[in-house]
Protein backbone atom coordinates (compact mmCIF):
# COMPACT_ATOMS: atom_id res chain seq x y z
CA MET A 1 -6.02 21.03 -6.26
CA GLU A 2 -8.83 20.31 -8.60
CA LYS A 3 -11.06 17.35 -7.84
CA ALA A 4 -10.16 15.71 -11.14
CA ASN A 5 -6.43 15.85 -10.30
CA LEU A 6 -6.98 14.38 -6.84
CA SER A 7 -9.18 11.59 -8.24
CA GLN A 8 -6.65 10.87 -10.98
CA LEU A 9 -3.83 10.78 -8.44
CA ALA A 10 -5.74 8.24 -6.33
CA THR A 11 -6.58 6.11 -9.39
CA ASP A 12 -3.01 6.18 -10.71
CA TRP A 13 -1.53 5.38 -7.30
CA SER A 14 -3.79 2.37 -6.81
CA LYS A 15 -2.94 1.00 -10.29
CA ILE A 16 0.80 1.43 -9.70
CA THR A 17 0.61 -0.25 -6.28
CA ILE A 18 -1.29 -3.25 -7.67
CA ASP A 19 1.13 -3.52 -10.60
CA ARG A 20 4.08 -3.59 -8.20
CA TRP A 21 2.39 -6.26 -6.06
CA LYS A 22 1.84 -8.37 -9.16
CA LYS A 23 5.50 -8.00 -10.17
CA ASN A 24 6.55 -9.09 -6.66
CA ILE A 25 4.27 -12.14 -6.85
CA GLU A 26 5.77 -13.16 -10.19
CA LYS A 27 9.33 -12.50 -9.01
CA ARG A 28 8.90 -14.64 -5.89
CA GLY A 29 6.96 -17.43 -7.60
CA ILE A 30 3.88 -17.12 -5.39
CA GLY A 31 0.56 -18.73 -6.21
CA HIS A 32 0.76 -21.54 -8.72
CA SER A 33 -2.99 -21.34 -9.46
CA GLY A 34 -2.91 -17.63 -10.31
CA ASP A 35 -5.92 -16.92 -8.08
CA LEU A 36 -4.06 -14.37 -5.94
CA PHE A 37 -2.73 -12.60 -9.03
CA LYS A 38 -6.24 -12.29 -10.49
CA SER A 39 -7.89 -11.23 -7.22
CA PHE A 40 -6.62 -7.63 -7.00
CA VAL A 41 -9.32 -4.96 -6.95
CA SER A 42 -9.08 -1.25 -6.17
CA ASN A 43 -12.01 0.85 -5.03
CA ILE A 44 -11.88 4.60 -4.43
CA ILE A 45 -14.48 5.83 -1.93
CA ARG A 46 -15.47 9.44 -2.60
CA ASN A 47 -17.09 12.14 -0.48
CA SER A 48 -20.38 13.64 -1.59
CA ASP A 49 -18.44 16.42 -3.32
CA GLY A 50 -16.44 13.91 -5.37
CA ASP A 51 -13.11 14.14 -3.53
CA PRO A 52 -11.49 10.77 -2.79
CA LYS A 53 -11.98 9.86 0.86
CA ARG A 54 -10.37 6.42 0.98
CA ILE A 55 -8.55 4.04 -1.33
CA GLU A 56 -9.33 0.35 -0.78
CA LEU A 57 -7.07 -2.29 -2.26
CA SER A 58 -8.25 -5.88 -1.85
CA PHE A 59 -7.04 -9.36 -2.74
CA LEU A 60 -7.42 -12.93 -1.50
CA PHE A 61 -6.71 -13.10 2.21
CA TYR A 62 -4.27 -16.00 1.98
CA GLY A 63 -1.83 -13.62 0.27
CA ARG A 64 -1.16 -12.01 3.65
CA PHE A 65 -0.21 -15.40 5.12
CA VAL A 66 2.27 -15.97 2.29
CA ASP A 67 3.78 -12.55 3.04
CA MET A 68 4.17 -13.49 6.72
CA GLY A 69 5.33 -17.06 6.10
CA VAL A 70 2.55 -18.71 8.08
CA GLY A 71 -0.39 -20.92 7.22
CA ARG A 72 -1.88 -24.36 7.24
CA GLY A 73 0.28 -27.35 8.11
CA GLY A 74 0.43 -28.24 11.78
CA SER A 75 -1.44 -28.18 15.04
CA VAL A 76 -0.45 -26.40 18.23
CA LYS A 77 0.46 -29.77 19.78
CA THR A 78 2.80 -30.56 16.89
CA GLN A 79 4.46 -27.17 17.21
CA SER A 80 5.03 -27.60 20.95
CA ASP A 81 6.48 -31.11 20.37
CA GLU A 82 8.84 -29.68 17.75
CA LYS A 83 9.90 -26.93 20.15
CA THR A 84 10.74 -29.53 22.79
CA LEU A 85 12.72 -31.60 20.30
CA ARG A 86 14.51 -28.51 19.07
CA GLY A 87 15.54 -27.67 22.63
CA ARG A 88 16.93 -31.15 23.28
CA ALA A 89 18.57 -32.00 19.99
CA GLY A 90 19.70 -28.58 18.80
CA ALA A 91 18.49 -27.44 15.39
CA PHE A 92 15.32 -29.15 14.28
CA LYS A 93 13.85 -28.61 10.85
CA SER A 94 10.14 -28.12 11.39
CA THR A 95 8.89 -26.68 8.11
CA SER A 96 10.18 -25.26 4.89
CA ARG A 97 7.66 -22.41 4.91
CA ARG A 98 9.32 -19.01 4.75
CA ALA A 99 7.97 -15.48 4.48
CA LYS A 100 7.80 -14.16 0.92
CA LYS A 101 7.59 -10.40 1.38
CA TRP A 102 5.52 -9.31 -1.59
CA TYR A 103 2.93 -7.15 0.20
CA SER A 104 4.01 -5.33 3.35
CA LYS A 105 7.23 -3.64 2.20
CA THR A 106 5.67 -2.53 -1.07
CA LEU A 107 2.57 -1.13 0.66
CA ALA A 108 4.72 0.83 3.12
CA ALA A 109 6.83 2.31 0.31
CA GLU A 110 3.82 3.16 -1.85
CA THR A 111 1.98 4.73 1.10
CA ARG A 112 4.98 6.99 1.76
CA SER A 113 5.00 7.87 -1.94
CA LEU A 114 1.29 8.77 -1.85
CA ALA A 115 1.84 10.91 1.25
CA ARG A 116 4.62 12.86 -0.52
CA LEU A 117 2.46 13.38 -3.62
CA LEU A 118 -0.51 14.58 -1.57
CA ALA A 119 1.68 16.88 0.53
CA LYS A 120 3.07 18.45 -2.63
CA GLU A 121 -0.38 18.88 -4.20
CA PHE A 122 -1.92 20.41 -1.07
CA ALA A 123 1.07 22.73 -0.58
CA ILE A 124 0.55 24.01 -4.13
CA LYS A 125 -3.17 24.40 -3.44
CA GLY A 126 -2.41 26.41 -0.28
CA ILE A 127 -0.01 28.69 -2.14
CA ASN A 128 -2.59 29.27 -4.86
CA ILE A 129 -5.29 30.14 -2.32
CA ILE A 130 -3.02 32.67 -0.59
CA GLU A 131 -1.98 34.16 -3.93
CA ASP A 132 -5.63 34.47 -5.03
CA GLN A 133 -6.54 36.19 -1.76
CA LEU A 134 -3.69 38.66 -2.14
CA LEU A 135 -4.63 39.42 -5.73
CA SER A 136 -8.30 39.88 -4.87
CA ALA A 137 -7.32 42.32 -2.12
CA GLY A 138 -5.43 44.41 -4.71
CA ASN A 139 -1.97 43.52 -3.44
CA ASP A 140 0.78 42.46 -5.80
CA PRO A 141 2.35 39.24 -4.44
CA ILE A 142 5.66 40.04 -6.11
CA LYS A 143 5.95 43.38 -4.29
CA LEU A 144 4.98 41.76 -0.98
CA ALA A 145 7.75 39.18 -1.31
CA MET A 146 10.42 41.88 -1.77
């Protein structure tokens, strides 16, 4: 694969992933201030030869807590008291905070998608290298396949 194609693939993938995260945030009504929505940044780290080495996607850290359904709002002592009350009186409503899965499921799906795209591109690159070697050796790849 050409370096330009690999770089473009990394750039496109990061934009698509961030767009899908933003759609999830809007759909789930997360972040009334809009700070999380505005905080997304992608950075593609390249090797010295220009090939992408790593894709970094960043955003405000509190977004992870929203995804997990945890955060500020109680001490350890309060939580242990609530657990005791829950055990004695049955169901006890401790907090209305719930996980809003906007991040983790999307990242897992998009990572699988990137892996499939890269596997396809590198398979094509491998085929082209083999074909070039056969042609440079004077062999006809069509005759060899028969």
